[in-house]
Amino acid sequence: MSMTARFPPLRVLAAILVLAVAGAFALPAWAQEDNEPQDGWAQPPSDLPPVVRGAPTSNLKTLFEALKIAPNEAAAKAIESRIWAVWMISGSDTCNLLMARVKAATDAKDYDLAIKLLTAVIEIKPDYVEAWNQRATIYYMKDDYAHAIADLGEVLAREPRHFGALSGLGLMLQELGDDKDALKAYRDALKIDPHLEHIPDVVRELSEKVEGRQI
C-alpha cells in the first residue's frame, strides 16, 4: 500500500489547516462559550460550520489527521468544530426535528423530556452517535452515571475516535473515584485530540496521584 493511500495528501491537510487558521482569527461566538456540562467534558459548540458533501473538510479521516498537526489552539478548535459538524449530521429530517426539540427541552432543563426525545432518535437511527452522546450528557446532568457511562460505551463502539465521549468517560470515572481508568480515558482522548482544553492539566494531576511523582 502506498503512502498516499494510507494518509491524506499533504496539500489536503494544508488546505484544512488554512481554513482552520483563517476562521480562528475571527472566532465566532461559539468558540468563546463554555458549553461543557463541566470542565473536561468536550461538547459540540453551539454554532457549527456548514458541511459540504465530498469536500476535504467533510472527511473525518482527513480532519483527524489535520487535528493532530494543528499548529496552534485556535486552528485545532476550528478543526474540532468541523469534526463536530460531521458528527451532528443525522441524515434524517425526522431526527433533525427531534434533535431541535431536544435542545429546546435541555435549555428549559426538562431533562426527562430530552431523554425521551433522544431515545426516539436512537430507535430511528441507532448508529447516530451524537444522539447517544447527547443522551449520555443529559443522564450525567441528572446524576445518572450508570446510564451515562453505558451510552458513552455505545458512542465509542461506533466511533472510537470520539474525543468528547472519552473526555466525558474520564470525567465520570474520576468523580466515581476510579482514577486509574479515568486517566486512561483522558490519555486516549488526548491521543486523538492533543489540543483538548483542561485535559492535559487533569492528566498531569492524575498521573502524579495514580503513578506517583516522577523522580
Protein backbone atom coordinates (compact mmCIF):
# COMPACT_ATOMS: atom_id res chain seq x y z
CA MET A 1 0.00 0.00 0.00
CA SER A 2 1.41 3.39 -0.97
CA MET A 3 1.90 6.24 1.48
CA THR A 4 -0.66 8.34 -0.40
CA ALA A 5 -3.21 5.56 0.01
CA ARG A 6 -2.58 5.37 3.75
CA PHE A 7 -2.55 9.08 4.50
CA PRO A 8 -4.34 12.13 3.03
CA PRO A 9 -2.14 14.21 0.69
CA LEU A 10 -0.27 16.97 2.50
CA ARG A 11 -1.91 19.58 0.30
CA VAL A 12 -5.33 18.45 1.57
CA LEU A 13 -4.22 18.67 5.21
CA ALA A 14 -2.64 22.03 4.50
CA ALA A 15 -5.89 23.30 2.98
CA ILE A 16 -7.82 22.26 6.07
CA LEU A 17 -5.30 23.96 8.34
CA VAL A 18 -5.50 27.15 6.27
CA LEU A 19 -9.29 27.12 6.60
CA ALA A 20 -8.99 26.44 10.32
CA VAL A 21 -6.49 29.21 10.95
CA ALA A 22 -8.42 31.69 8.81
CA GLY A 23 -11.58 31.02 10.77
CA ALA A 24 -9.80 31.11 14.09
CA PHE A 25 -8.58 34.69 13.77
CA ALA A 26 -12.20 35.84 13.62
CA LEU A 27 -13.58 33.45 16.17
CA PRO A 28 -17.39 33.23 16.20
CA ALA A 29 -19.32 33.41 19.45
CA TRP A 30 -19.43 29.65 19.93
CA ALA A 31 -15.65 29.44 20.14
CA GLN A 32 -15.68 31.62 23.24
CA GLU A 33 -18.60 29.95 25.02
CA ASP A 34 -18.30 27.19 27.56
CA ASN A 35 -20.87 24.60 26.51
CA GLU A 36 -19.50 21.79 28.65
CA PRO A 37 -21.60 20.34 31.46
CA GLN A 38 -18.36 20.61 33.43
CA ASP A 39 -14.78 21.49 32.55
CA GLY A 40 -13.15 18.48 30.96
CA TRP A 41 -16.10 17.07 29.01
CA ALA A 42 -15.75 18.22 25.40
CA GLN A 43 -19.14 19.15 23.93
CA PRO A 44 -20.19 20.36 20.47
CA PRO A 45 -20.11 24.15 20.01
CA SER A 46 -23.41 25.95 19.70
CA ASP A 47 -22.68 27.23 16.18
CA LEU A 48 -21.25 24.72 13.73
CA PRO A 49 -19.77 25.35 10.26
CA PRO A 50 -21.67 24.02 7.23
CA VAL A 51 -20.69 20.63 5.87
CA VAL A 52 -20.23 20.37 2.10
CA ARG A 53 -20.54 16.78 0.94
CA GLY A 54 -17.39 15.49 -0.77
CA ALA A 55 -15.20 18.37 0.41
CA PRO A 56 -11.98 17.55 2.33
CA THR A 57 -13.50 19.22 5.39
CA SER A 58 -16.30 16.63 5.43
CA ASN A 59 -13.93 13.64 5.56
CA LEU A 60 -13.40 12.56 9.15
CA LYS A 61 -10.16 10.69 8.49
CA THR A 62 -8.65 13.77 6.89
CA LEU A 63 -9.94 16.02 9.65
CA PHE A 64 -8.44 13.84 12.38
CA GLU A 65 -5.08 13.81 10.62
CA ALA A 66 -5.22 17.61 10.38
CA LEU A 67 -6.18 17.87 14.05
CA LYS A 68 -3.02 16.07 15.14
CA ILE A 69 -0.78 18.53 13.28
CA ALA A 70 -2.73 21.69 14.05
CA PRO A 71 -0.14 24.46 14.64
CA ASN A 72 -1.98 26.16 17.50
CA GLU A 73 -5.03 26.03 19.76
CA ALA A 74 -7.12 28.30 17.55
CA ALA A 75 -6.59 26.13 14.46
CA ALA A 76 -7.30 23.00 16.48
CA LYS A 77 -10.58 24.47 17.75
CA ALA A 78 -11.67 25.25 14.22
CA ILE A 79 -10.90 21.69 13.09
CA GLU A 80 -12.68 20.28 16.14
CA SER A 81 -15.78 22.25 15.15
CA ARG A 82 -15.70 20.73 11.67
CA ILE A 83 -15.49 17.24 13.18
CA TRP A 84 -18.44 18.02 15.43
CA ALA A 85 -20.35 19.33 12.41
CA VAL A 86 -19.90 15.99 10.61
CA TRP A 87 -20.87 14.04 13.74
CA MET A 88 -24.04 16.10 14.12
CA ILE A 89 -25.38 15.07 10.72
CA SER A 90 -28.19 12.57 11.24
CA GLY A 91 -29.24 12.08 7.63
CA SER A 92 -32.89 12.14 8.71
CA ASP A 93 -35.30 15.08 8.68
CA THR A 94 -37.27 13.43 11.48
CA CYS A 95 -34.18 13.04 13.63
CA ASN A 96 -33.17 16.64 12.92
CA LEU A 97 -36.58 17.83 14.12
CA LEU A 98 -36.35 15.70 17.24
CA MET A 99 -32.83 16.93 17.96
CA ALA A 100 -34.06 20.53 17.73
CA ARG A 101 -36.70 19.65 20.31
CA VAL A 102 -34.00 18.03 22.45
CA LYS A 103 -32.12 21.33 22.52
CA ALA A 104 -35.26 23.23 23.49
CA ALA A 105 -36.04 20.73 26.25
CA THR A 106 -32.47 20.84 27.53
CA ASP A 107 -32.42 24.64 27.53
CA ALA A 108 -35.64 24.51 29.57
CA LYS A 109 -33.99 21.96 31.91
CA ASP A 110 -36.71 19.44 31.08
CA TYR A 111 -34.21 16.58 31.11
CA ASP A 112 -36.78 13.80 31.24
CA LEU A 113 -38.35 15.05 28.00
CA ALA A 114 -34.91 15.42 26.42
CA ILE A 115 -34.12 11.80 27.24
CA LYS A 116 -37.44 10.61 25.78
CA LEU A 117 -36.77 12.52 22.57
CA LEU A 118 -33.21 11.23 22.31
CA THR A 119 -34.43 7.68 22.88
CA ALA A 120 -36.83 8.15 19.96
CA VAL A 121 -33.94 9.37 17.78
CA ILE A 122 -31.84 6.34 18.76
CA GLU A 123 -34.71 4.00 17.89
CA ILE A 124 -34.92 5.59 14.43
CA LYS A 125 -31.14 5.83 13.83
CA PRO A 126 -29.27 3.55 16.25
CA ASP A 127 -25.93 4.34 14.55
CA TYR A 128 -26.32 8.09 15.02
CA VAL A 129 -23.55 8.55 17.58
CA GLU A 130 -24.43 12.08 18.58
CA ALA A 131 -27.84 11.01 19.86
CA TRP A 132 -26.11 8.54 22.20
CA ASN A 133 -23.56 11.20 23.20
CA GLN A 134 -26.20 13.81 23.95
CA ARG A 135 -28.28 11.34 25.93
CA ALA A 136 -25.19 10.46 27.97
CA THR A 137 -24.73 14.17 28.67
CA ILE A 138 -28.31 14.53 29.89
CA TYR A 139 -28.02 11.44 32.07
CA TYR A 140 -24.87 12.93 33.58
CA MET A 141 -26.71 16.18 34.29
CA LYS A 142 -29.31 14.06 36.12
CA ASP A 143 -26.51 12.36 38.12
CA ASP A 144 -27.42 9.04 36.48
CA TYR A 145 -23.86 7.88 35.91
CA ALA A 146 -24.74 4.26 35.14
CA HIS A 147 -26.86 5.15 32.12
CA ALA A 148 -24.48 7.92 31.07
CA ILE A 149 -21.47 5.60 31.03
CA ALA A 150 -23.47 2.93 29.19
CA ASP A 151 -24.40 5.45 26.48
CA LEU A 152 -20.79 6.59 26.13
CA GLY A 153 -19.89 2.95 25.59
CA GLU A 154 -22.36 2.91 22.70
CA VAL A 155 -20.75 6.04 21.26
CA LEU A 156 -17.24 4.60 21.43
CA ALA A 157 -18.35 1.27 19.98
CA ARG A 158 -19.49 3.18 16.89
CA GLU A 159 -16.85 5.94 16.82
CA PRO A 160 -13.69 5.07 18.82
CA ARG A 161 -12.21 8.47 17.93
CA HIS A 162 -14.94 10.38 19.76
CA PHE A 163 -12.80 12.58 21.99
CA GLY A 164 -15.94 14.06 23.54
CA ALA A 165 -17.13 10.67 24.76
CA LEU A 166 -13.67 9.75 26.02
CA SER A 167 -13.31 13.00 27.95
CA GLY A 168 -16.79 12.55 29.42
CA LEU A 169 -15.98 9.00 30.42
CA GLY A 170 -12.80 10.18 32.11
CA LEU A 171 -14.71 12.88 34.00
CA MET A 172 -17.32 10.48 35.35
CA LEU A 173 -14.82 7.78 36.27
CA GLN A 174 -12.79 10.41 38.10
CA GLU A 175 -15.85 11.60 40.00
CA LEU A 176 -16.62 7.99 40.91
CA GLY A 177 -13.12 7.60 42.35
CA ASP A 178 -11.73 5.35 39.60
CA ASP A 179 -8.67 7.48 38.93
CA LYS A 180 -6.73 4.76 37.10
CA ASP A 181 -9.39 4.16 34.43
CA ALA A 182 -10.17 7.88 34.29
CA LEU A 183 -6.51 8.56 33.49
CA LYS A 184 -6.60 6.00 30.68
CA ALA A 185 -9.74 7.55 29.18
CA TYR A 186 -8.22 11.04 29.32
CA ARG A 187 -4.98 9.84 27.74
CA ASP A 188 -6.92 8.08 24.97
CA ALA A 189 -8.78 11.33 24.30
CA LEU A 190 -5.50 13.27 24.05
CA LYS A 191 -4.06 10.74 21.60
CA ILE A 192 -6.90 11.66 19.27
CA ASP A 193 -7.05 15.38 20.03
CA PRO A 194 -3.88 16.72 21.69
CA HIS A 195 -5.47 20.18 21.98
CA LEU A 196 -8.41 19.37 24.26
CA GLU A 197 -8.96 22.04 26.87
CA HIS A 198 -8.39 21.24 30.55
CA ILE A 199 -7.45 17.60 29.91
CA PRO A 200 -3.63 17.96 29.92
CA ASP A 201 -3.75 19.56 33.37
CA VAL A 202 -6.06 16.85 34.66
CA VAL A 203 -3.79 14.15 33.22
CA ARG A 204 -0.76 15.64 34.96
CA GLU A 205 -2.57 15.73 38.29
CA LEU A 206 -3.96 12.21 37.94
CA SER A 207 -0.62 10.85 36.76
CA GLU A 208 1.02 12.03 39.97
CA LYS A 209 -1.85 10.64 42.03
CA VAL A 210 -2.01 7.23 40.30
CA GLU A 211 1.60 6.67 39.30
CA GLY A 212 3.47 8.90 41.71
CA ARG A 213 5.70 11.87 41.02
CA GLN A 214 8.49 11.05 38.60
CA ILE A 215 11.99 11.39 40.11
